Amino acid sequence: MYLLQYYVIDWDKVKTQEDLITILKNLQLGFENPSEDLKKLCKFVNKSDGQEVTFD
């Protein structure tokens, strides 16, 4: 089914840091090859189930 409407961020309504945090938490972006700066802010997870991968 093709949707005719969708939600976009109304940047005029974004006023606080909490608003930005809410947006970023809901984006659920995945990065194949992040920069070192971005890697510090990420965790390594399985694509199939979203579980974090730890290197022991």
C-alpha atoms as a PDB file:
ATOM      1  CA  MET A   1       0.000   0.000   0.000  1.00  0.00           C
ATOM      2  CA  TYR A   2       1.312   3.437  -0.890  1.00  0.00           C
ATOM      3  CA  LEU A   3       0.797   6.122   1.737  1.00  0.00           C
ATOM      4  CA  LEU A   4      -0.084   9.594   0.542  1.00  0.00           C
ATOM      5  CA  GLN A   5       0.874  11.377   3.760  1.00  0.00           C
ATOM      6  CA  TYR A   6       3.773  11.059   6.161  1.00  0.00           C
ATOM      7  CA  TYR A   7       5.279  12.890   9.104  1.00  0.00           C
ATOM      8  CA  VAL A   8       8.183  15.312   8.809  1.00  0.00           C
ATOM      9  CA  ILE A   9       9.874  17.247  11.592  1.00  0.00           C
ATOM     10  CA  ASP A  10       8.559  20.769  12.066  1.00  0.00           C
ATOM     11  CA  TRP A  11      11.802  22.452  13.092  1.00  0.00           C
ATOM     12  CA  ASP A  12       9.889  25.505  14.340  1.00  0.00           C
ATOM     13  CA  LYS A  13       8.463  23.322  17.119  1.00  0.00           C
ATOM     14  CA  VAL A  14      11.867  21.971  18.195  1.00  0.00           C
ATOM     15  CA  LYS A  15      12.925  24.195  21.078  1.00  0.00           C
ATOM     16  CA  THR A  16      14.835  22.173  23.675  1.00  0.00           C
ATOM     17  CA  GLN A  17      17.603  19.613  23.929  1.00  0.00           C
ATOM     18  CA  GLU A  18      15.005  17.062  25.012  1.00  0.00           C
ATOM     19  CA  ASP A  19      13.192  17.592  21.701  1.00  0.00           C
ATOM     20  CA  LEU A  20      16.411  16.795  19.816  1.00  0.00           C
ATOM     21  CA  ILE A  21      17.056  13.736  21.980  1.00  0.00           C
ATOM     22  CA  THR A  22      13.546  12.458  21.236  1.00  0.00           C
ATOM     23  CA  ILE A  23      14.108  12.891  17.506  1.00  0.00           C
ATOM     24  CA  LEU A  24      17.493  11.171  17.556  1.00  0.00           C
ATOM     25  CA  LYS A  25      16.296   8.232  19.670  1.00  0.00           C
ATOM     26  CA  ASN A  26      13.500   7.565  17.215  1.00  0.00           C
ATOM     27  CA  LEU A  27      15.649   7.732  14.089  1.00  0.00           C
ATOM     28  CA  GLN A  28      17.335   4.363  14.790  1.00  0.00           C
ATOM     29  CA  LEU A  29      20.032   5.040  12.223  1.00  0.00           C
ATOM     30  CA  GLY A  30      22.520   2.336  11.341  1.00  0.00           C
ATOM     31  CA  PHE A  31      26.056   3.064  10.192  1.00  0.00           C
ATOM     32  CA  GLU A  32      28.188   0.644   8.190  1.00  0.00           C
ATOM     33  CA  ASN A  33      31.445   2.587   8.537  1.00  0.00           C
ATOM     34  CA  PRO A  34      31.179   5.417  11.112  1.00  0.00           C
ATOM     35  CA  SER A  35      33.915   7.972  11.714  1.00  0.00           C
ATOM     36  CA  GLU A  36      35.905   7.686  14.930  1.00  0.00           C
ATOM     37  CA  ASP A  37      33.955  10.580  16.477  1.00  0.00           C
ATOM     38  CA  LEU A  38      30.644   8.950  15.618  1.00  0.00           C
ATOM     39  CA  LYS A  39      31.874   5.524  16.714  1.00  0.00           C
ATOM     40  CA  LYS A  40      32.354   6.896  20.263  1.00  0.00           C
ATOM     41  CA  LEU A  41      28.613   7.589  20.357  1.00  0.00           C
ATOM     42  CA  CYS A  42      27.486   4.251  18.909  1.00  0.00           C
ATOM     43  CA  LYS A  43      27.194   0.640  19.982  1.00  0.00           C
ATOM     44  CA  PHE A  44      27.831  -2.380  17.750  1.00  0.00           C
ATOM     45  CA  VAL A  45      24.696  -4.505  17.263  1.00  0.00           C
ATOM     46  CA  ASN A  46      23.509  -7.474  15.191  1.00  0.00           C
ATOM     47  CA  LYS A  47      21.326  -6.444  12.264  1.00  0.00           C
ATOM     48  CA  SER A  48      19.065  -9.462  12.732  1.00  0.00           C
ATOM     49  CA  ASP A  49      17.994  -8.986  16.345  1.00  0.00           C
ATOM     50  CA  GLY A  50      19.415  -5.639  17.509  1.00  0.00           C
ATOM     51  CA  GLN A  51      21.403  -7.244  20.328  1.00  0.00           C
ATOM     52  CA  GLU A  52      24.654  -5.533  21.258  1.00  0.00           C
ATOM     53  CA  VAL A  53      27.860  -7.320  20.244  1.00  0.00           C
ATOM     54  CA  THR A  54      30.585  -7.340  22.886  1.00  0.00           C
ATOM     55  CA  PHE A  55      34.211  -8.209  22.308  1.00  0.00           C
ATOM     56  CA  ASP A  56      35.492 -10.100  25.341  1.00  0.00           C
END
